């Protein structure tokens, strides 16, 4: 799909729905603060493998 086709599809959806075809939400103060912190790398965890990630989430037996 080309960029032009994508834009045309979006415009058709806007016309059909009489508005955007997705929710537009402004984040609340806590969400905005959390997003800023994560972009700055604060409180962000990094994992070398999905196994490490699931172990950290308390799901060590989870299969990907």
C-alpha atoms as a PDB file:
ATOM      1  CA  UNK A   1       0.000   0.000   0.000  1.00  0.00           C
ATOM      2  CA  UNK A   2       1.406   3.350  -0.972  1.00  0.00           C
ATOM      3  CA  UNK A   3       1.421   6.429   1.236  1.00  0.00           C
ATOM      4  CA  UNK A   4      -1.165   8.022  -1.037  1.00  0.00           C
ATOM      5  CA  UNK A   5      -3.477   4.994  -0.776  1.00  0.00           C
ATOM      6  CA  UNK A   6      -3.094   4.983   3.000  1.00  0.00           C
ATOM      7  CA  UNK A   7      -4.065   8.652   3.249  1.00  0.00           C
ATOM      8  CA  UNK A   8      -7.049   8.116   0.942  1.00  0.00           C
ATOM      9  CA  UNK A   9      -8.190   5.206   3.123  1.00  0.00           C
ATOM     10  CA  UNK A  10      -7.847   7.356   6.240  1.00  0.00           C
ATOM     11  CA  UNK A  11      -9.909  10.142   4.654  1.00  0.00           C
ATOM     12  CA  UNK A  12     -12.629   7.660   3.676  1.00  0.00           C
ATOM     13  CA  UNK A  13     -12.778   6.369   7.249  1.00  0.00           C
ATOM     14  CA  UNK A  14     -12.973   9.915   8.633  1.00  0.00           C
ATOM     15  CA  UNK A  15     -15.829  10.728   6.261  1.00  0.00           C
ATOM     16  CA  UNK A  16     -17.679   7.471   6.984  1.00  0.00           C
ATOM     17  CA  UNK A  17     -17.322   7.749  10.778  1.00  0.00           C
ATOM     18  CA  UNK A  18     -17.598  11.540  10.829  1.00  0.00           C
ATOM     19  CA  UNK A  19     -14.462  11.631  12.922  1.00  0.00           C
ATOM     20  CA  UNK A  20     -11.136   9.934  13.418  1.00  0.00           C
ATOM     21  CA  UNK A  21     -11.238   6.122  13.239  1.00  0.00           C
ATOM     22  CA  UNK A  22      -9.303   5.830  16.498  1.00  0.00           C
ATOM     23  CA  UNK A  23      -9.459   7.287  19.980  1.00  0.00           C
ATOM     24  CA  UNK A  24      -7.428  10.436  20.579  1.00  0.00           C
ATOM     25  CA  UNK A  25      -6.618  10.770  24.235  1.00  0.00           C
ATOM     26  CA  UNK A  26      -4.495  13.272  26.087  1.00  0.00           C
ATOM     27  CA  UNK A  27      -2.486  11.487  28.776  1.00  0.00           C
ATOM     28  CA  UNK A  28      -3.242  12.358  32.383  1.00  0.00           C
ATOM     29  CA  UNK A  29      -0.511  13.838  34.589  1.00  0.00           C
ATOM     30  CA  UNK A  30       0.752  10.465  35.867  1.00  0.00           C
ATOM     31  CA  UNK A  31       0.926   8.955  32.380  1.00  0.00           C
ATOM     32  CA  UNK A  32       2.715  12.032  31.011  1.00  0.00           C
ATOM     33  CA  UNK A  33       5.229  11.915  33.890  1.00  0.00           C
ATOM     34  CA  UNK A  34       5.818   8.184  33.349  1.00  0.00           C
ATOM     35  CA  UNK A  35       6.344   8.670  29.609  1.00  0.00           C
ATOM     36  CA  UNK A  36       8.886  11.450  30.226  1.00  0.00           C
ATOM     37  CA  UNK A  37      10.746   9.286  32.756  1.00  0.00           C
ATOM     38  CA  UNK A  38      10.862   6.271  30.444  1.00  0.00           C
ATOM     39  CA  UNK A  39      12.121   8.397  27.536  1.00  0.00           C
ATOM     40  CA  UNK A  40      14.902   9.598  29.847  1.00  0.00           C
ATOM     41  CA  UNK A  41      15.730   5.972  30.709  1.00  0.00           C
ATOM     42  CA  UNK A  42      14.555   6.196  34.326  1.00  0.00           C
ATOM     43  CA  UNK A  43      12.980   3.011  35.672  1.00  0.00           C
ATOM     44  CA  UNK A  44      13.526   1.197  32.386  1.00  0.00           C
ATOM     45  CA  UNK A  45      14.636  -2.429  32.449  1.00  0.00           C
ATOM     46  CA  UNK A  46      16.542  -4.119  29.647  1.00  0.00           C
ATOM     47  CA  UNK A  47      16.560  -7.838  28.934  1.00  0.00           C
ATOM     48  CA  UNK A  48      18.874  -9.842  26.691  1.00  0.00           C
ATOM     49  CA  UNK A  49      16.256 -12.521  26.054  1.00  0.00           C
ATOM     50  CA  UNK A  50      12.506 -12.982  26.294  1.00  0.00           C
ATOM     51  CA  UNK A  51      13.199 -15.719  28.853  1.00  0.00           C
ATOM     52  CA  UNK A  52      14.759 -13.108  31.168  1.00  0.00           C
ATOM     53  CA  UNK A  53      11.800 -10.791  30.596  1.00  0.00           C
ATOM     54  CA  UNK A  54       9.211 -13.432  31.490  1.00  0.00           C
ATOM     55  CA  UNK A  55      11.226 -14.492  34.533  1.00  0.00           C
ATOM     56  CA  UNK A  56      11.219 -10.880  35.740  1.00  0.00           C
ATOM     57  CA  UNK A  57       7.442 -10.761  35.193  1.00  0.00           C
ATOM     58  CA  UNK A  58       7.031 -13.855  37.372  1.00  0.00           C
ATOM     59  CA  UNK A  59       6.217 -16.106  34.406  1.00  0.00           C
ATOM     60  CA  UNK A  60       9.397 -18.196  34.031  1.00  0.00           C
ATOM     61  CA  UNK A  61       7.559 -21.076  32.315  1.00  0.00           C
ATOM     62  CA  UNK A  62       6.011 -18.896  29.605  1.00  0.00           C
ATOM     63  CA  UNK A  63       6.773 -20.054  26.065  1.00  0.00           C
ATOM     64  CA  UNK A  64       7.204 -17.489  23.325  1.00  0.00           C
END
